Amino acid sequence: MSREEILEMKPGRELDVLVAQKIFDNCVCGYSTDITAAWQVVEKMRTMEDSEGNHLLCCLEIYSDYDFCWEVRWSYAELSIHNDGHKTHSSGCFDEFPEAICKAALLTKLV
């Protein structure tokens, strides 16, 4: 699945299934529409590892402009196989936090 395909997905069952499969390897829990479930995604992102067991991310930042725009930014850890010189990556801007965090989680694994 490409970056564009992930970003074009609508919140709901299809996005939840993808997050459950790629991020959690477990049940579908409404990650993209339920703020409580979305916080589970945040906690999982903080502990994600690359294929060699190194922490995947060194920085995870959540921004809101208080006008219903949520953006998640991250950088890959120095020891991660995805390290790209501490470049900042972004989910883009979304109306709802659960959608932004779910798409960011999938994009971190896309590299």
PDB file of N, CA and C in Angstrom:
ATOM      1  N   MET A   1       0.848  -1.174   0.000  1.00  0.00           N
ATOM      2  CA  MET A   1       0.000   0.000   0.000  1.00  0.00           C
ATOM      3  C   MET A   1       0.895   1.240   0.000  1.00  0.00           C
ATOM      4  N   SER A   2       0.547   2.217  -0.782  1.00  0.00           N
ATOM      5  CA  SER A   2       1.358   3.427  -0.909  1.00  0.00           C
ATOM      6  C   SER A   2       0.953   4.483   0.117  1.00  0.00           C
ATOM      7  N   ARG A   3       1.802   5.497   0.265  1.00  0.00           N
ATOM      8  CA  ARG A   3       1.511   6.629   1.146  1.00  0.00           C
ATOM      9  C   ARG A   3       0.191   7.286   0.744  1.00  0.00           C
ATOM     10  N   GLU A   4       0.019   7.486  -0.551  1.00  0.00           N
ATOM     11  CA  GLU A   4      -1.186   8.143  -1.048  1.00  0.00           C
ATOM     12  C   GLU A   4      -2.438   7.336  -0.716  1.00  0.00           C
ATOM     13  N   GLU A   5      -2.354   6.016  -0.862  1.00  0.00           N
ATOM     14  CA  GLU A   5      -3.510   5.156  -0.552  1.00  0.00           C
ATOM     15  C   GLU A   5      -3.876   5.227   0.926  1.00  0.00           C
ATOM     16  N   ILE A   6      -2.860   5.250   1.792  1.00  0.00           N
ATOM     17  CA  ILE A   6      -3.114   5.370   3.224  1.00  0.00           C
ATOM     18  C   ILE A   6      -3.781   6.700   3.539  1.00  0.00           C
ATOM     19  N   LEU A   7      -3.252   7.781   3.002  1.00  0.00           N
ATOM     20  CA  LEU A   7      -3.781   9.111   3.301  1.00  0.00           C
ATOM     21  C   LEU A   7      -5.190   9.320   2.753  1.00  0.00           C
ATOM     22  N   GLU A   8      -5.552   8.617   1.689  1.00  0.00           N
ATOM     23  CA  GLU A   8      -6.879   8.764   1.107  1.00  0.00           C
ATOM     24  C   GLU A   8      -7.951   7.951   1.829  1.00  0.00           C
ATOM     25  N   MET A   9      -7.549   7.030   2.697  1.00  0.00           N
ATOM     26  CA  MET A   9      -8.526   6.183   3.391  1.00  0.00           C
ATOM     27  C   MET A   9      -9.399   7.015   4.316  1.00  0.00           C
ATOM     28  N   LYS A  10     -10.659   6.631   4.403  1.00  0.00           N
ATOM     29  CA  LYS A  10     -11.611   7.275   5.306  1.00  0.00           C
ATOM     30  C   LYS A  10     -11.569   6.573   6.657  1.00  0.00           C
ATOM     31  N   PRO A  11     -11.802   7.295   7.765  1.00  0.00           N
ATOM     32  CA  PRO A  11     -11.891   6.642   9.066  1.00  0.00           C
ATOM     33  C   PRO A  11     -13.006   5.594   9.033  1.00  0.00           C
ATOM     34  N   GLY A  12     -12.774   4.492   9.695  1.00  0.00           N
ATOM     35  CA  GLY A  12     -13.783   3.442   9.748  1.00  0.00           C
ATOM     36  C   GLY A  12     -13.173   2.062   9.706  1.00  0.00           C
ATOM     37  N   ARG A  13     -13.965   1.095   9.405  1.00  0.00           N
ATOM     38  CA  ARG A  13     -13.588  -0.320   9.499  1.00  0.00           C
ATOM     39  C   ARG A  13     -12.335  -0.669   8.695  1.00  0.00           C
ATOM     40  N   GLU A  14     -12.241  -0.234   7.437  1.00  0.00           N
ATOM     41  CA  GLU A  14     -11.093  -0.585   6.602  1.00  0.00           C
ATOM     42  C   GLU A  14      -9.781  -0.064   7.190  1.00  0.00           C
ATOM     43  N   LEU A  15      -9.776   1.180   7.644  1.00  0.00           N
ATOM     44  CA  LEU A  15      -8.589   1.750   8.263  1.00  0.00           C
ATOM     45  C   LEU A  15      -8.284   1.043   9.589  1.00  0.00           C
ATOM     46  N   ASP A  16      -9.314   0.737  10.356  1.00  0.00           N
ATOM     47  CA  ASP A  16      -9.131   0.028  11.629  1.00  0.00           C
ATOM     48  C   ASP A  16      -8.506  -1.349  11.424  1.00  0.00           C
ATOM     49  N   VAL A  17      -8.967  -2.065  10.413  1.00  0.00           N
ATOM     50  CA  VAL A  17      -8.428  -3.396  10.122  1.00  0.00           C
ATOM     51  C   VAL A  17      -6.946  -3.292   9.765  1.00  0.00           C
ATOM     52  N   LEU A  18      -6.595  -2.319   8.958  1.00  0.00           N
ATOM     53  CA  LEU A  18      -5.202  -2.146   8.563  1.00  0.00           C
ATOM     54  C   LEU A  18      -4.322  -1.815   9.769  1.00  0.00           C
ATOM     55  N   VAL A  19      -4.790  -0.934  10.642  1.00  0.00           N
ATOM     56  CA  VAL A  19      -4.038  -0.601  11.868  1.00  0.00           C
ATOM     57  C   VAL A  19      -3.905  -1.833  12.751  1.00  0.00           C
ATOM     58  N   ALA A  20      -4.980  -2.588  12.904  1.00  0.00           N
ATOM     59  CA  ALA A  20      -4.939  -3.798  13.737  1.00  0.00           C
ATOM     60  C   ALA A  20      -3.922  -4.793  13.188  1.00  0.00           C
ATOM     61  N   GLN A  21      -3.880  -4.963  11.878  1.00  0.00           N
ATOM     62  CA  GLN A  21      -2.966  -5.924  11.263  1.00  0.00           C
ATOM     63  C   GLN A  21      -1.519  -5.456  11.285  1.00  0.00           C
ATOM     64  N   LYS A  22      -1.284  -4.221  10.904  1.00  0.00           N
ATOM     65  CA  LYS A  22       0.084  -3.731  10.724  1.00  0.00           C
ATOM     66  C   LYS A  22       0.719  -3.199  12.003  1.00  0.00           C
ATOM     67  N   ILE A  23      -0.075  -2.697  12.925  1.00  0.00           N
ATOM     68  CA  ILE A  23       0.474  -2.077  14.127  1.00  0.00           C
ATOM     69  C   ILE A  23       0.325  -2.981  15.343  1.00  0.00           C
ATOM     70  N   PHE A  24      -0.824  -3.626  15.506  1.00  0.00           N
ATOM     71  CA  PHE A  24      -1.099  -4.387  16.722  1.00  0.00           C
ATOM     72  C   PHE A  24      -1.111  -5.896  16.559  1.00  0.00           C
ATOM     73  N   ASP A  25      -1.322  -6.413  15.375  1.00  0.00           N
ATOM     74  CA  ASP A  25      -1.483  -7.858  15.178  1.00  0.00           C
ATOM     75  C   ASP A  25      -2.599  -8.414  16.055  1.00  0.00           C
ATOM     76  N   ASN A  26      -3.691  -7.688  16.184  1.00  0.00           N
ATOM     77  CA  ASN A  26      -4.797  -8.175  17.022  1.00  0.00           C
ATOM     78  C   ASN A  26      -6.147  -7.660  16.542  1.00  0.00           C
ATOM     79  N   CYS A  27      -7.099  -7.605  17.450  1.00  0.00           N
ATOM     80  CA  CYS A  27      -8.487  -7.254  17.124  1.00  0.00           C
ATOM     81  C   CYS A  27      -8.632  -5.850  16.558  1.00  0.00           C
ATOM     82  N   VAL A  28      -9.741  -5.645  15.902  1.00  0.00           N
ATOM     83  CA  VAL A  28     -10.093  -4.327  15.378  1.00  0.00           C
ATOM     84  C   VAL A  28     -10.912  -3.613  16.451  1.00  0.00           C
ATOM     85  N   CYS A  29     -10.423  -2.451  16.901  1.00  0.00           N
ATOM     86  CA  CYS A  29     -11.031  -1.787  18.055  1.00  0.00           C
ATOM     87  C   CYS A  29     -11.495  -0.367  17.779  1.00  0.00           C
ATOM     88  N   GLY A  30     -11.779   0.000  16.567  1.00  0.00           N
ATOM     89  CA  GLY A  30     -12.263   1.343  16.278  1.00  0.00           C
ATOM     90  C   GLY A  30     -11.189   2.409  16.397  1.00  0.00           C
ATOM     91  N   TYR A  31      -9.948   2.050  16.089  1.00  0.00           N
ATOM     92  CA  TYR A  31      -8.832   2.973  16.267  1.00  0.00           C
ATOM     93  C   TYR A  31      -9.010   4.306  15.565  1.00  0.00           C
ATOM     94  N   SER A  32      -9.578   4.292  14.360  1.00  0.00           N
ATOM     95  CA  SER A  32      -9.629   5.515  13.554  1.00  0.00           C
ATOM     96  C   SER A  32     -10.819   6.415  13.866  1.00  0.00           C
ATOM     97  N   THR A  33     -11.713   5.963  14.745  1.00  0.00           N
ATOM     98  CA  THR A  33     -12.894   6.767  15.059  1.00  0.00           C
ATOM     99  C   THR A  33     -13.086   6.999  16.555  1.00  0.00           C
ATOM    100  N   ASP A  34     -12.368   6.283  17.387  1.00  0.00           N
ATOM    101  CA  ASP A  34     -12.535   6.353  18.846  1.00  0.00           C
ATOM    102  C   ASP A  34     -11.259   6.915  19.473  1.00  0.00           C
ATOM    103  N   ILE A  35     -11.369   8.047  20.149  1.00  0.00           N
ATOM    104  CA  ILE A  35     -10.182   8.699  20.697  1.00  0.00           C
ATOM    105  C   ILE A  35      -9.489   7.846  21.760  1.00  0.00           C
ATOM    106  N   THR A  36     -10.242   7.078  22.521  1.00  0.00           N
ATOM    107  CA  THR A  36      -9.639   6.205  23.528  1.00  0.00           C
ATOM    108  C   THR A  36      -8.799   5.125  22.860  1.00  0.00           C
ATOM    109  N   ALA A  37      -9.323   4.516  21.824  1.00  0.00           N
ATOM    110  CA  ALA A  37      -8.573   3.494  21.095  1.00  0.00           C
ATOM    111  C   ALA A  37      -7.370   4.115  20.380  1.00  0.00           C
ATOM    112  N   ALA A  38      -7.520   5.335  19.897  1.00  0.00           N
ATOM    113  CA  ALA A  38      -6.420   6.014  19.206  1.00  0.00           C
ATOM    114  C   ALA A  38      -5.233   6.235  20.144  1.00  0.00           C
ATOM    115  N   TRP A  39      -5.494   6.479  21.422  1.00  0.00           N
ATOM    116  CA  TRP A  39      -4.392   6.656  22.365  1.00  0.00           C
ATOM    117  C   TRP A  39      -3.597   5.364  22.536  1.00  0.00           C
ATOM    118  N   GLN A  40      -4.238   4.217  22.317  1.00  0.00           N
ATOM    119  CA  GLN A  40      -3.508   2.947  22.321  1.00  0.00           C
ATOM    120  C   GLN A  40      -2.509   2.913  21.170  1.00  0.00           C
ATOM    121  N   VAL A  41      -2.892   3.511  20.051  1.00  0.00           N
ATOM    122  CA  VAL A  41      -1.991   3.582  18.896  1.00  0.00           C
ATOM    123  C   VAL A  41      -0.794   4.466  19.236  1.00  0.00           C
ATOM    124  N   VAL A  42      -1.032   5.592  19.904  1.00  0.00           N
ATOM    125  CA  VAL A  42       0.070   6.470  20.318  1.00  0.00           C
ATOM    126  C   VAL A  42       1.050   5.699  21.201  1.00  0.00           C
ATOM    127  N   GLU A  43       0.527   4.990  22.195  1.00  0.00           N
ATOM    128  CA  GLU A  43       1.394   4.221  23.104  1.00  0.00           C
ATOM    129  C   GLU A  43       2.169   3.154  22.345  1.00  0.00           C
ATOM    130  N   LYS A  44       1.541   2.516  21.394  1.00  0.00           N
ATOM    131  CA  LYS A  44       2.224   1.496  20.588  1.00  0.00           C
ATOM    132  C   LYS A  44       3.321   2.127  19.748  1.00  0.00           C
ATOM    133  N   MET A  45       3.051   3.286  19.163  1.00  0.00           N
ATOM    134  CA  MET A  45       4.063   3.959  18.349  1.00  0.00           C
ATOM    135  C   MET A  45       5.306   4.282  19.168  1.00  0.00           C
ATOM    136  N   ARG A  46       5.109   4.651  20.419  1.00  0.00           N
ATOM    137  CA  ARG A  46       6.243   5.016  21.276  1.00  0.00           C
ATOM    138  C   ARG A  46       7.173   3.832  21.529  1.00  0.00           C
ATOM    139  N   THR A  47       6.674   2.612  21.371  1.00  0.00           N
ATOM    140  CA  THR A  47       7.485   1.427  21.658  1.00  0.00           C
ATOM    141  C   THR A  47       7.788   0.583  20.427  1.00  0.00           C
ATOM    142  N   MET A  48       7.424   1.043  19.245  1.00  0.00           N
ATOM    143  CA  MET A  48       7.662   0.266  18.027  1.00  0.00           C
ATOM    144  C   MET A  48       9.152   0.045  17.806  1.00  0.00           C
ATOM    145  N   GLU A  49       9.460  -1.123  17.247  1.00  0.00           N
ATOM    146  CA  GLU A  49      10.839  -1.465  16.926  1.00  0.00           C
ATOM    147  C   GLU A  49      10.955  -1.779  15.443  1.00  0.00           C
ATOM    148  N   ASP A  50      12.177  -1.622  14.908  1.00  0.00           N
ATOM    149  CA  ASP A  50      12.410  -2.008  13.518  1.00  0.00           C
ATOM    150  C   ASP A  50      12.648  -3.517  13.472  1.00  0.00           C
ATOM    151  N   SER A  51      12.955  -4.045  12.311  1.00  0.00           N
ATOM    152  CA  SER A  51      13.121  -5.490  12.149  1.00  0.00           C
ATOM    153  C   SER A  51      14.336  -6.043  12.878  1.00  0.00           C
ATOM    154  N   GLU A  52      15.226  -5.165  13.333  1.00  0.00           N
ATOM    155  CA  GLU A  52      16.411  -5.603  14.071  1.00  0.00           C
ATOM    156  C   GLU A  52      16.273  -5.383  15.575  1.00  0.00           C
ATOM    157  N   GLY A  53      15.101  -4.968  16.034  1.00  0.00           N
ATOM    158  CA  GLY A  53      14.854  -4.799  17.456  1.00  0.00           C
ATOM    159  C   GLY A  53      15.243  -3.441  18.019  1.00  0.00           C
ATOM    160  N   ASN A  54      15.606  -2.502  17.164  1.00  0.00           N
ATOM    161  CA  ASN A  54      15.931  -1.149  17.615  1.00  0.00           C
ATOM    162  C   ASN A  54      14.665  -0.307  17.684  1.00  0.00           C
ATOM    163  N   HIS A  55      14.651   0.671  18.599  1.00  0.00           N
ATOM    164  CA  HIS A  55      13.505   1.596  18.638  1.00  0.00           C
ATOM    165  C   HIS A  55      13.348   2.226  17.258  1.00  0.00           C
ATOM    166  N   LEU A  56      12.123   2.290  16.781  1.00  0.00           N
ATOM    167  CA  LEU A  56      11.859   2.831  15.452  1.00  0.00           C
ATOM    168  C   LEU A  56      11.881   4.356  15.454  1.00  0.00           C
ATOM    169  N   LEU A  57      11.222   4.964  16.446  1.00  0.00           N
ATOM    170  CA  LEU A  57      11.088   6.418  16.472  1.00  0.00           C
ATOM    171  C   LEU A  57      11.869   7.030  17.623  1.00  0.00           C
ATOM    172  N   CYS A  58      12.417   8.221  17.382  1.00  0.00           N
ATOM    173  CA  CYS A  58      13.032   8.960  18.486  1.00  0.00           C
ATOM    174  C   CYS A  58      12.146  10.125  18.917  1.00  0.00           C
ATOM    175  N   CYS A  59      11.356  10.649  17.995  1.00  0.00           N
ATOM    176  CA  CYS A  59      10.496  11.798  18.291  1.00  0.00           C
ATOM    177  C   CYS A  59       9.101  11.526  17.751  1.00  0.00           C
ATOM    178  N   LEU A  60       8.122  11.823  18.574  1.00  0.00           N
ATOM    179  CA  LEU A  60       6.726  11.706  18.164  1.00  0.00           C
ATOM    180  C   LEU A  60       6.014  12.926  18.721  1.00  0.00           C
ATOM    181  N   GLU A  61       5.502  13.761  17.825  1.00  0.00           N
ATOM    182  CA  GLU A  61       4.876  15.009  18.237  1.00  0.00           C
ATOM    183  C   GLU A  61       3.467  15.084  17.667  1.00  0.00           C
ATOM    184  N   ILE A  62       2.544  15.548  18.488  1.00  0.00           N
ATOM    185  CA  ILE A  62       1.158  15.696  18.071  1.00  0.00           C
ATOM    186  C   ILE A  62       0.812  17.175  18.128  1.00  0.00           C
ATOM    187  N   TYR A  63       0.351  17.709  17.004  1.00  0.00           N
ATOM    188  CA  TYR A  63       0.018  19.128  16.911  1.00  0.00           C
ATOM    189  C   TYR A  63      -1.460  19.315  16.619  1.00  0.00           C
ATOM    190  N   SER A  64      -2.008  20.366  17.179  1.00  0.00           N
ATOM    191  CA  SER A  64      -3.357  20.801  16.843  1.00  0.00           C
ATOM    192  C   SER A  64      -3.340  22.319  16.761  1.00  0.00           C
ATOM    193  N   ASP A  65      -3.986  22.855  15.744  1.00  0.00           N
ATOM    194  CA  ASP A  65      -4.040  24.309  15.603  1.00  0.00           C
ATOM    195  C   ASP A  65      -5.296  24.890  16.253  1.00  0.00           C
ATOM    196  N   TYR A  66      -5.988  24.050  17.033  1.00  0.00           N
ATOM    197  CA  TYR A  66      -7.216  24.456  17.719  1.00  0.00           C
ATOM    198  C   TYR A  66      -8.320  24.857  16.755  1.00  0.00           C
ATOM    199  N   ASP A  67      -8.149  24.501  15.495  1.00  0.00           N
ATOM    200  CA  ASP A  67      -9.168  24.758  14.489  1.00  0.00           C
ATOM    201  C   ASP A  67      -9.478  23.450  13.761  1.00  0.00           C
ATOM    202  N   PHE A  68      -9.459  22.367  14.510  1.00  0.00           N
ATOM    203  CA  PHE A  68      -9.778  21.048  13.982  1.00  0.00           C
ATOM    204  C   PHE A  68      -8.797  20.556  12.938  1.00  0.00           C
ATOM    205  N   CYS A  69      -7.540  20.861  13.128  1.00  0.00           N
ATOM    206  CA  CYS A  69      -6.499  20.302  12.282  1.00  0.00           C
ATOM    207  C   CYS A  69      -5.509  19.569  13.175  1.00  0.00           C
ATOM    208  N   TRP A  70      -5.450  18.260  13.040  1.00  0.00           N
ATOM    209  CA  TRP A  70      -4.520  17.436  13.796  1.00  0.00           C
ATOM    210  C   TRP A  70      -3.414  16.954  12.875  1.00  0.00           C
ATOM    211  N   GLU A  71      -2.182  17.059  13.347  1.00  0.00           N
ATOM    212  CA  GLU A  71      -1.033  16.608  12.575  1.00  0.00           C
ATOM    213  C   GLU A  71      -0.098  15.857  13.514  1.00  0.00           C
ATOM    214  N   VAL A  72       0.431  14.743  13.034  1.00  0.00           N
ATOM    215  CA  VAL A  72       1.391  13.956  13.798  1.00  0.00           C
ATOM    216  C   VAL A  72       2.723  14.024  13.058  1.00  0.00           C
ATOM    217  N   ARG A  73       3.780  14.321  13.812  1.00  0.00           N
ATOM    218  CA  ARG A  73       5.128  14.407  13.227  1.00  0.00           C
ATOM    219  C   ARG A  73       6.036  13.430  13.960  1.00  0.00           C
ATOM    220  N   TRP A  74       6.980  12.858  13.218  1.00  0.00           N
ATOM    221  CA  TRP A  74       7.906  11.917  13.835  1.00  0.00           C
ATOM    222  C   TRP A  74       9.244  11.941  13.121  1.00  0.00           C
ATOM    223  N   SER A  75      10.260  11.440  13.823  1.00  0.00           N
ATOM    224  CA  SER A  75      11.594  11.222  13.265  1.00  0.00           C
ATOM    225  C   SER A  75      12.008   9.809  13.637  1.00  0.00           C
ATOM    226  N   TYR A  76      12.800   9.206  12.781  1.00  0.00           N
ATOM    227  CA  TYR A  76      13.276   7.860  13.058  1.00  0.00           C
ATOM    228  C   TYR A  76      14.492   7.909  13.975  1.00  0.00           C
ATOM    229  N   ALA A  77      14.600   6.917  14.831  1.00  0.00           N
ATOM    230  CA  ALA A  77      15.711   6.841  15.780  1.00  0.00           C
ATOM    231  C   ALA A  77      17.030   6.645  15.038  1.00  0.00           C
ATOM    232  N   GLU A  78      18.082   7.128  15.641  1.00  0.00           N
ATOM    233  CA  GLU A  78      19.413   7.064  15.043  1.00  0.00           C
ATOM    234  C   GLU A  78      19.844   5.628  14.750  1.00  0.00           C
ATOM    235  N   LEU A  79      19.497   4.690  15.633  1.00  0.00           N
ATOM    236  CA  LEU A  79      19.898   3.301  15.444  1.00  0.00           C
ATOM    237  C   LEU A  79      18.918   2.503  14.596  1.00  0.00           C
ATOM    238  N   SER A  80      17.792   3.105  14.238  1.00  0.00           N
ATOM    239  CA  SER A  80      16.797   2.413  13.424  1.00  0.00           C
ATOM    240  C   SER A  80      17.324   2.190  12.017  1.00  0.00           C
ATOM    241  N   ILE A  81      16.909   1.090  11.425  1.00  0.00           N
ATOM    242  CA  ILE A  81      17.311   0.843  10.035  1.00  0.00           C
ATOM    243  C   ILE A  81      16.670   1.854   9.087  1.00  0.00           C
ATOM    244  N   HIS A  82      15.683   2.602   9.572  1.00  0.00           N
ATOM    245  CA  HIS A  82      15.020   3.625   8.759  1.00  0.00           C
ATOM    246  C   HIS A  82      15.611   5.021   8.979  1.00  0.00           C
ATOM    247  N   ASN A  83      16.677   5.129   9.764  1.00  0.00           N
ATOM    248  CA  ASN A  83      17.273   6.436  10.057  1.00  0.00           C
ATOM    249  C   ASN A  83      17.582   7.174   8.753  1.00  0.00           C
ATOM    250  N   ASP A  84      17.114   8.398   8.660  1.00  0.00           N
ATOM    251  CA  ASP A  84      17.333   9.210   7.465  1.00  0.00           C
ATOM    252  C   ASP A  84      17.866  10.591   7.839  1.00  0.00           C
ATOM    253  N   GLY A  85      18.723  10.612   8.872  1.00  0.00           N
ATOM    254  CA  GLY A  85      19.323  11.876   9.271  1.00  0.00           C
ATOM    255  C   GLY A  85      18.416  12.741  10.105  1.00  0.00           C
ATOM    256  N   HIS A  86      17.514  12.125  10.840  1.00  0.00           N
ATOM    257  CA  HIS A  86      16.607  12.825  11.749  1.00  0.00           C
ATOM    258  C   HIS A  86      15.643  13.755  11.005  1.00  0.00           C
ATOM    259  N   LYS A  87      15.304  13.382   9.773  1.00  0.00           N
ATOM    260  CA  LYS A  87      14.328  14.134   8.987  1.00  0.00           C
ATOM    261  C   LYS A  87      12.958  14.035   9.665  1.00  0.00           C
ATOM    262  N   THR A  88      12.206  15.130   9.651  1.00  0.00           N
ATOM    263  CA  THR A  88      10.866  15.134  10.229  1.00  0.00           C
ATOM    264  C   THR A  88       9.859  14.695   9.182  1.00  0.00           C
ATOM    265  N   HIS A  89       9.026  13.723   9.553  1.00  0.00           N
ATOM    266  CA  HIS A  89       7.961  13.213   8.688  1.00  0.00           C
ATOM    267  C   HIS A  89       6.631  13.673   9.263  1.00  0.00           C
ATOM    268  N   SER A  90       5.599  13.725   8.437  1.00  0.00           N
ATOM    269  CA  SER A  90       4.306  14.236   8.876  1.00  0.00           C
ATOM    270  C   SER A  90       3.162  13.413   8.306  1.00  0.00           C
ATOM    271  N   SER A  91       2.100  13.324   9.097  1.00  0.00           N
ATOM    272  CA  SER A  91       0.883  12.652   8.648  1.00  0.00           C
ATOM    273  C   SER A  91       0.078  13.540   7.710  1.00  0.00           C
ATOM    274  N   GLY A  92       0.298  14.828   7.760  1.00  0.00           N
ATOM    275  CA  GLY A  92      -0.573  15.774   7.084  1.00  0.00           C
ATOM    276  C   GLY A  92      -1.648  16.219   8.063  1.00  0.00           C
ATOM    277  N   CYS A  93      -2.553  17.038   7.623  1.00  0.00           N
ATOM    278  CA  CYS A  93      -3.565  17.630   8.488  1.00  0.00           C
ATOM    279  C   CYS A  93      -4.900  16.908   8.337  1.00  0.00           C
ATOM    280  N   PHE A  94      -5.496  16.535   9.487  1.00  0.00           N
ATOM    281  CA  PHE A  94      -6.780  15.832   9.490  1.00  0.00           C
ATOM    282  C   PHE A  94      -7.710  16.464  10.505  1.00  0.00           C
ATOM    283  N   ASP A  95      -8.999  16.369  10.250  1.00  0.00           N
ATOM    284  CA  ASP A  95     -10.003  16.963  11.136  1.00  0.00           C
ATOM    285  C   ASP A  95     -10.063  16.297  12.503  1.00  0.00           C
ATOM    286  N   GLU A  96      -9.814  15.000  12.557  1.00  0.00           N
ATOM    287  CA  GLU A  96      -9.967  14.249  13.795  1.00  0.00           C
ATOM    288  C   GLU A  96      -8.652  13.596  14.208  1.00  0.00           C
ATOM    289  N   PHE A  97      -8.372  13.615  15.513  1.00  0.00           N
ATOM    290  CA  PHE A  97      -7.151  13.024  16.044  1.00  0.00           C
ATOM    291  C   PHE A  97      -7.026  11.536  15.741  1.00  0.00           C
ATOM    292  N   PRO A  98      -8.082  10.711  15.951  1.00  0.00           N
ATOM    293  CA  PRO A  98      -7.912   9.274  15.688  1.00  0.00           C
ATOM    294  C   PRO A  98      -7.460   8.971  14.263  1.00  0.00           C
ATOM    295  N   GLU A  99      -8.013   9.682  13.295  1.00  0.00           N
ATOM    296  CA  GLU A  99      -7.611   9.471  11.905  1.00  0.00           C
ATOM    297  C   GLU A  99      -6.145   9.843  11.706  1.00  0.00           C
ATOM    298  N   ALA A 100      -5.723  10.977  12.244  1.00  0.00           N
ATOM    299  CA  ALA A 100      -4.340  11.435  12.081  1.00  0.00           C
ATOM    300  C   ALA A 100      -3.351  10.440  12.677  1.00  0.00           C
ATOM    301  N   ILE A 101      -3.626   9.948  13.877  1.00  0.00           N
ATOM    302  CA  ILE A 101      -2.671   9.051  14.531  1.00  0.00           C
ATOM    303  C   ILE A 101      -2.625   7.694  13.846  1.00  0.00           C
ATOM    304  N   CYS A 102      -3.767   7.192  13.390  1.00  0.00           N
ATOM    305  CA  CYS A 102      -3.777   5.903  12.696  1.00  0.00           C
ATOM    306  C   CYS A 102      -2.985   5.969  11.396  1.00  0.00           C
ATOM    307  N   LYS A 103      -3.170   7.016  10.651  1.00  0.00           N
ATOM    308  CA  LYS A 103      -2.441   7.158   9.393  1.00  0.00           C
ATOM    309  C   LYS A 103      -0.951   7.367   9.645  1.00  0.00           C
ATOM    310  N   ALA A 104      -0.602   8.118  10.669  1.00  0.00           N
ATOM    311  CA  ALA A 104       0.803   8.308  11.016  1.00  0.00           C
ATOM    312  C   ALA A 104       1.448   6.979  11.392  1.00  0.00           C
ATOM    313  N   ALA A 105       0.756   6.160  12.177  1.00  0.00           N
ATOM    314  CA  ALA A 105       1.305   4.859  12.587  1.00  0.00           C
ATOM    315  C   ALA A 105       1.581   3.982  11.368  1.00  0.00           C
ATOM    316  N   LEU A 106       0.647   3.961  10.429  1.00  0.00           N
ATOM    317  CA  LEU A 106       0.851   3.167   9.227  1.00  0.00           C
ATOM    318  C   LEU A 106       1.994   3.711   8.375  1.00  0.00           C
ATOM    319  N   LEU A 107       2.087   5.011   8.284  1.00  0.00           N
ATOM    320  CA  LEU A 107       3.159   5.626   7.480  1.00  0.00           C
ATOM    321  C   LEU A 107       4.541   5.362   8.085  1.00  0.00           C
ATOM    322  N   THR A 108       4.650   5.289   9.401  1.00  0.00           N
ATOM    323  CA  THR A 108       5.967   5.011  10.007  1.00  0.00           C
ATOM    324  C   THR A 108       6.472   3.638   9.623  1.00  0.00           C
ATOM    325  N   LYS A 109       5.568   2.706   9.404  1.00  0.00           N
ATOM    326  CA  LYS A 109       5.942   1.345   9.033  1.00  0.00           C
ATOM    327  C   LYS A 109       6.127   1.180   7.526  1.00  0.00           C
ATOM    328  N   LEU A 110       5.726   2.186   6.745  1.00  0.00           N
ATOM    329  CA  LEU A 110       5.733   2.096   5.297  1.00  0.00           C
ATOM    330  C   LEU A 110       7.140   2.111   4.700  1.00  0.00           C
ATOM    331  N   VAL A 111       8.054   2.785   5.338  1.00  0.00           N
ATOM    332  CA  VAL A 111       9.405   2.971   4.790  1.00  0.00           C
ATOM    333  C   VAL A 111      10.029   1.645   4.420  1.00  0.00           C
TER     334      VAL A 111
END
